[in-house]
């Protein structure tokens, strides 16, 4: 009798322990915050919105967290995500550019301030990720000029690009080829003479290297319904271009115009359907203004 009771008990114990050991560890919820707010959040190099924000369903363990904000140095840290909620706050450090335009003093054997003046221009604004940028300007013939570039990522603290030689006609030129590693954002190019007694600067924007998303809110609408198109654009572009495809007059696509991208990379557009539209399947197509990335979403319009 005792053996008949103990064997089922052992089997039940093994089954329970097997079920218990197979349970996965509880996932974590991350709360993101920064000063100033509005920084882009990247977890393991994947974009997850802007601060303040949150992300659930993160596997516990080691991850890399990064905050990016134009005009501030990138913040990144190796984090160990626990089960449950955890908060990650960073106080971002501004990018500081310390250059002062100081003319050379005139006198015997020296150049006048007019002769020592330097200038710089950027060929493309905006510049698309993957393209080159040509900087040109003027300086003292036969002398060298220093080019320093400031911007997001590796350029946060400034990177010296080159010492360019000024030709006999007082003109210099340099082609910058960063490839696809450069980040979208605002950049500052500073040129000075070697002694850094005079300087000039100009700004330009880099766009691309991100994504454009679009959502419709619902899968189906009836004629006369308003549709709220919305999404995100992380390429650095200031606007997204919307085109609607569908049956009838939308067969070849109808432009809905350019919509402004907000500082947090979001955009939205309210579209009112017309009773003159044909019922059927439609596709909304969103593209950044420089045509570096695009996204689409489908929905249906039915009779009311």
Protein backbone atom coordinates (compact mmCIF):
# COMPACT_ATOMS: atom_id res chain seq x y z
CA UNK A 1 0.00 0.00 0.00
CA UNK A 2 2.82 2.40 0.88
CA UNK A 3 4.58 1.77 -2.44
CA UNK A 4 1.35 2.45 -4.36
CA UNK A 5 1.10 5.88 -2.72
CA UNK A 6 4.75 6.97 -2.97
CA UNK A 7 5.27 6.29 -6.71
CA UNK A 8 2.48 8.63 -7.94
CA UNK A 9 3.73 11.27 -5.48
CA UNK A 10 7.22 11.10 -6.97
CA UNK A 11 5.87 11.39 -10.50
CA UNK A 12 3.78 14.44 -9.51
CA UNK A 13 6.85 16.07 -7.90
CA UNK A 14 8.92 15.59 -11.06
CA UNK A 15 6.17 17.04 -13.25
CA UNK A 16 5.79 20.13 -11.04
CA UNK A 17 9.53 20.76 -10.82
CA UNK A 18 9.85 20.38 -14.60
CA UNK A 19 7.14 22.97 -15.20
CA UNK A 20 8.66 25.36 -12.70
CA UNK A 21 12.17 25.21 -14.17
CA UNK A 22 10.90 25.93 -17.69
CA UNK A 23 9.28 29.23 -16.72
CA UNK A 24 11.09 32.15 -18.45
CA UNK A 25 12.43 35.02 -16.40
CA UNK A 26 10.05 37.95 -16.08
CA UNK A 27 10.77 40.69 -18.62
CA UNK A 28 11.67 44.25 -17.73
CA UNK A 29 10.10 47.65 -18.38
CA UNK A 30 12.53 50.53 -18.96
CA UNK A 31 11.67 54.15 -18.17
CA UNK A 32 13.76 56.67 -20.15
CA UNK A 33 14.43 60.27 -19.04
CA UNK A 34 16.99 62.94 -19.88
CA UNK A 35 17.77 66.60 -19.32
CA UNK A 36 16.93 68.21 -21.67
CA UNK A 37 14.07 66.03 -22.83
CA UNK A 38 13.55 65.01 -26.45
CA UNK A 39 16.68 62.84 -26.83
CA UNK A 40 16.45 59.89 -29.21
CA UNK A 41 16.63 56.54 -27.37
CA UNK A 42 18.61 53.61 -28.81
CA UNK A 43 18.70 50.23 -27.07
CA UNK A 44 21.25 47.84 -28.58
CA UNK A 45 21.44 50.26 -31.55
CA UNK A 46 17.67 50.04 -32.18
CA UNK A 47 15.56 53.24 -32.08
CA UNK A 48 12.82 53.33 -29.41
CA UNK A 49 11.37 56.86 -29.44
CA UNK A 50 12.40 59.92 -27.45
CA UNK A 51 12.70 60.90 -23.78
CA UNK A 52 10.64 60.80 -21.66
CA UNK A 53 9.34 57.38 -22.67
CA UNK A 54 9.16 53.73 -21.75
CA UNK A 55 9.77 50.33 -23.29
CA UNK A 56 8.26 47.06 -22.04
CA UNK A 57 9.05 43.45 -22.83
CA UNK A 58 12.84 43.79 -22.55
CA UNK A 59 14.73 40.60 -21.79
CA UNK A 60 16.67 40.80 -18.51
CA UNK A 61 20.44 40.97 -18.81
CA UNK A 62 23.13 43.13 -20.41
CA UNK A 63 22.17 45.81 -22.95
CA UNK A 64 23.65 49.02 -24.39
CA UNK A 65 21.57 52.18 -23.91
CA UNK A 66 22.27 55.42 -25.82
CA UNK A 67 20.68 58.90 -25.87
CA UNK A 68 21.24 61.20 -28.87
CA UNK A 69 20.25 64.86 -29.11
CA UNK A 70 21.45 67.44 -31.62
CA UNK A 71 23.72 69.99 -29.97
CA UNK A 72 24.63 67.61 -27.13
CA UNK A 73 27.20 64.87 -26.72
CA UNK A 74 25.89 61.33 -27.12
CA UNK A 75 25.32 59.53 -23.81
CA UNK A 76 25.70 55.76 -23.69
CA UNK A 77 26.01 53.15 -20.98
CA UNK A 78 26.12 49.38 -20.54
CA UNK A 79 23.08 48.51 -18.41
CA UNK A 80 21.93 45.34 -16.68
CA UNK A 81 18.15 45.15 -17.06
CA UNK A 82 16.32 43.52 -14.12
CA UNK A 83 12.83 42.08 -14.03
CA UNK A 84 10.16 44.70 -13.40
CA UNK A 85 10.55 48.46 -13.88
CA UNK A 86 13.80 50.42 -13.88
CA UNK A 87 14.58 54.07 -14.70
CA UNK A 88 17.54 55.38 -16.72
CA UNK A 89 18.21 59.12 -16.46
CA UNK A 90 21.01 61.09 -18.13
CA UNK A 91 22.00 64.75 -17.93
CA UNK A 92 23.28 65.52 -21.43
CA UNK A 93 26.38 67.67 -21.99
CA UNK A 94 26.14 70.47 -24.60
CA UNK A 95 28.60 70.60 -27.48
CA UNK A 96 30.76 73.69 -26.88
CA UNK A 97 32.51 75.40 -29.76
CA UNK A 98 35.22 77.81 -28.64
CA UNK A 99 36.41 79.91 -31.57
CA UNK A 100 36.69 83.68 -31.65
CA UNK A 101 37.18 85.79 -34.75
CA UNK A 102 40.28 87.86 -33.97
CA UNK A 103 41.94 89.76 -36.88
CA UNK A 104 45.71 89.86 -37.20
CA UNK A 105 47.22 93.22 -36.24
CA UNK A 106 48.47 95.34 -39.14
CA UNK A 107 52.11 96.46 -39.09
CA UNK A 108 55.45 96.16 -40.84
CA UNK A 109 55.96 92.65 -42.21
CA UNK A 110 52.49 91.44 -41.17
CA UNK A 111 49.27 90.90 -43.10
CA UNK A 112 46.40 93.33 -42.74
CA UNK A 113 43.10 92.04 -41.35
CA UNK A 114 41.68 92.15 -44.87
CA UNK A 115 44.51 89.98 -46.22
CA UNK A 116 44.21 87.50 -43.33
CA UNK A 117 40.43 86.98 -43.67
CA UNK A 118 39.18 83.42 -44.24
CA UNK A 119 35.80 82.23 -45.55
CA UNK A 120 34.00 78.88 -45.85
CA UNK A 121 30.89 77.59 -47.61
CA UNK A 122 29.24 74.14 -47.80
CA UNK A 123 28.03 72.97 -51.20
CA UNK A 124 25.02 70.95 -50.01
CA UNK A 125 22.41 71.82 -47.40
CA UNK A 126 20.94 69.42 -46.62
CA UNK A 127 23.50 66.70 -47.35
CA UNK A 128 22.18 63.15 -47.70
CA UNK A 129 23.84 60.32 -45.77
CA UNK A 130 26.14 58.47 -48.16
CA UNK A 131 26.93 61.55 -50.27
CA UNK A 132 30.02 63.78 -50.14
CA UNK A 133 30.19 67.41 -49.05
CA UNK A 134 32.47 69.96 -50.71
CA UNK A 135 33.77 72.81 -48.54
CA UNK A 136 35.29 75.81 -50.31
CA UNK A 137 36.51 79.22 -49.23
CA UNK A 138 39.26 81.77 -49.30
CA UNK A 139 42.40 82.48 -47.31
CA UNK A 140 45.93 83.83 -47.57
CA UNK A 141 47.63 82.47 -50.72
CA UNK A 142 50.29 79.87 -49.95
CA UNK A 143 49.16 79.41 -46.33
CA UNK A 144 47.27 76.50 -44.74
CA UNK A 145 43.82 76.60 -43.17
CA UNK A 146 42.42 74.21 -40.51
CA UNK A 147 39.00 72.62 -40.94
CA UNK A 148 37.18 71.51 -37.76
CA UNK A 149 33.80 69.79 -37.94
CA UNK A 150 31.27 69.65 -35.07
CA UNK A 151 28.05 67.65 -34.97
CA UNK A 152 26.41 64.51 -33.51
CA UNK A 153 28.18 61.24 -32.79
CA UNK A 154 31.96 61.17 -33.26
CA UNK A 155 31.94 64.89 -34.11
CA UNK A 156 30.45 65.96 -30.75
CA UNK A 157 33.78 67.35 -29.50
CA UNK A 158 35.03 68.42 -32.91
CA UNK A 159 37.18 66.55 -35.42
CA UNK A 160 39.96 68.14 -37.47
CA UNK A 161 39.31 67.14 -41.07
CA UNK A 162 42.40 68.50 -42.78
CA UNK A 163 44.94 71.31 -43.13
CA UNK A 164 44.06 72.56 -46.59
CA UNK A 165 46.50 74.60 -48.65
CA UNK A 166 45.29 77.90 -50.05
CA UNK A 167 46.13 78.21 -53.75
CA UNK A 168 47.81 81.17 -55.36
CA UNK A 169 44.45 82.71 -56.24
CA UNK A 170 43.47 82.68 -52.54
CA UNK A 171 40.97 79.79 -52.91
CA UNK A 172 40.95 76.42 -51.10
CA UNK A 173 38.68 73.37 -51.42
CA UNK A 174 38.15 70.09 -49.56
CA UNK A 175 35.81 67.13 -50.26
CA UNK A 176 34.47 65.34 -47.17
CA UNK A 177 33.48 61.69 -47.73
CA UNK A 178 32.07 60.25 -44.48
CA UNK A 179 30.17 57.43 -46.19
CA UNK A 180 27.14 55.94 -44.41
CA UNK A 181 28.64 56.11 -40.89
CA UNK A 182 27.68 59.77 -40.42
CA UNK A 183 24.57 60.52 -38.33
CA UNK A 184 21.72 62.79 -39.36
CA UNK A 185 21.61 66.17 -37.62
CA UNK A 186 23.01 69.71 -37.62
CA UNK A 187 26.72 70.28 -38.30
CA UNK A 188 29.09 73.20 -37.92
CA UNK A 189 32.24 73.59 -40.04
CA UNK A 190 34.86 76.00 -38.65
CA UNK A 191 37.88 77.20 -40.64
CA UNK A 192 40.81 79.11 -39.20
CA UNK A 193 44.40 79.93 -40.04
CA UNK A 194 47.01 77.65 -38.48
CA UNK A 195 47.63 80.10 -35.62
CA UNK A 196 43.85 80.32 -35.02
CA UNK A 197 43.90 84.10 -35.11
CA UNK A 198 41.00 84.41 -37.54
CA UNK A 199 38.13 82.06 -38.24
CA UNK A 200 34.90 81.65 -40.16
CA UNK A 201 32.11 79.12 -39.92
CA UNK A 202 28.94 77.87 -41.55
CA UNK A 203 26.29 75.30 -40.69
CA UNK A 204 24.56 72.59 -42.72
CA UNK A 205 22.26 69.63 -42.10
CA UNK A 206 22.71 65.94 -42.79
CA UNK A 207 19.60 63.86 -43.50
CA UNK A 208 19.06 60.14 -44.06
CA UNK A 209 20.20 57.05 -42.24
CA UNK A 210 16.86 56.67 -40.46
CA UNK A 211 13.35 55.51 -41.25
CA UNK A 212 9.89 56.81 -42.10
CA UNK A 213 6.79 55.11 -40.68
CA UNK A 214 3.07 55.66 -41.31
CA UNK A 215 -0.08 54.35 -39.62
CA UNK A 216 -3.78 54.79 -40.41
CA UNK A 217 -5.38 54.14 -37.04
CA UNK A 218 -7.93 51.63 -38.39
CA UNK A 219 -7.99 49.00 -41.10
CA UNK A 220 -11.36 50.03 -42.57
CA UNK A 221 -13.27 53.28 -43.05
CA UNK A 222 -16.56 54.27 -44.64
CA UNK A 223 -17.05 57.03 -47.19
CA UNK A 224 -17.08 60.42 -45.47
CA UNK A 225 -14.94 59.29 -42.53
CA UNK A 226 -11.86 61.31 -41.49
CA UNK A 227 -8.57 59.40 -41.42
CA UNK A 228 -5.71 60.41 -39.12
CA UNK A 229 -2.45 59.49 -40.82
CA UNK A 230 0.54 59.62 -38.47
CA UNK A 231 4.06 58.30 -38.11
CA UNK A 232 7.69 59.11 -37.45
CA UNK A 233 10.61 60.34 -39.54
CA UNK A 234 14.10 59.82 -38.08
CA UNK A 235 16.15 60.76 -41.17
CA UNK A 236 16.61 64.40 -40.10
CA UNK A 237 14.27 65.71 -42.82
CA UNK A 238 11.98 68.61 -41.92
CA UNK A 239 8.99 67.33 -43.91
CA UNK A 240 7.46 64.10 -45.21
CA UNK A 241 5.67 63.79 -48.55
CA UNK A 242 2.36 61.88 -48.59
CA UNK A 243 0.93 60.13 -51.67
CA UNK A 244 -2.35 58.17 -51.71
CA UNK A 245 -2.84 55.21 -54.06
CA UNK A 246 -6.08 53.35 -54.72
CA UNK A 247 -8.86 52.76 -57.24
CA UNK A 248 -10.30 55.36 -59.59
CA UNK A 249 -8.65 58.79 -59.43
CA UNK A 250 -5.96 57.45 -57.10
CA UNK A 251 -4.77 54.76 -59.52
CA UNK A 252 -1.56 56.69 -60.36
CA UNK A 253 -1.22 58.27 -56.93
CA UNK A 254 -2.50 61.59 -55.61
CA UNK A 255 -0.23 63.91 -53.66
CA UNK A 256 -1.49 64.95 -50.22
CA UNK A 257 1.34 67.49 -49.86
CA UNK A 258 4.27 67.91 -47.48
CA UNK A 259 3.69 67.52 -43.75
CA UNK A 260 5.94 69.03 -41.08
CA UNK A 261 8.08 66.73 -38.94
CA UNK A 262 7.90 67.77 -35.27
CA UNK A 263 10.99 68.12 -33.02
CA UNK A 264 10.26 64.65 -31.55
CA UNK A 265 10.33 63.16 -35.12
CA UNK A 266 6.55 62.65 -35.21
CA UNK A 267 4.20 63.86 -37.94
CA UNK A 268 0.44 63.67 -38.54
CA UNK A 269 -2.13 64.59 -41.17
CA UNK A 270 -5.96 64.47 -41.06
CA UNK A 271 -7.57 63.42 -44.35
CA UNK A 272 -11.33 63.57 -44.99
CA UNK A 273 -12.60 60.89 -47.37
CA UNK A 274 -15.04 61.96 -50.09
CA UNK A 275 -18.27 60.31 -51.22
CA UNK A 276 -16.87 60.61 -54.74
CA UNK A 277 -14.10 58.14 -53.88
CA UNK A 278 -14.35 54.51 -55.01
CA UNK A 279 -14.66 51.77 -52.44
CA UNK A 280 -11.72 49.39 -52.27
CA UNK A 281 -8.20 49.05 -50.94
CA UNK A 282 -5.92 52.08 -50.56
CA UNK A 283 -2.25 52.59 -49.71
CA UNK A 284 -0.79 55.69 -48.07
CA UNK A 285 2.86 56.21 -48.95
CA UNK A 286 5.11 58.48 -46.81
CA UNK A 287 8.61 59.58 -47.87
CA UNK A 288 11.05 62.05 -46.37
CA UNK A 289 11.62 65.20 -48.44
CA UNK A 290 15.12 64.13 -49.53
CA UNK A 291 13.81 60.67 -50.59
CA UNK A 292 16.19 58.71 -48.38
CA UNK A 293 13.55 56.54 -46.65
CA UNK A 294 9.86 55.69 -46.98
CA UNK A 295 7.03 53.74 -45.40
CA UNK A 296 3.49 52.70 -46.30
CA UNK A 297 0.25 51.40 -44.80
CA UNK A 298 -2.91 49.95 -46.34
CA UNK A 299 -6.57 50.39 -45.44
CA UNK A 300 -9.98 49.84 -47.04
CA UNK A 301 -12.87 52.20 -47.73
CA UNK A 302 -16.39 50.71 -47.67
CA UNK A 303 -19.87 52.04 -48.42
CA UNK A 304 -21.53 53.69 -45.47
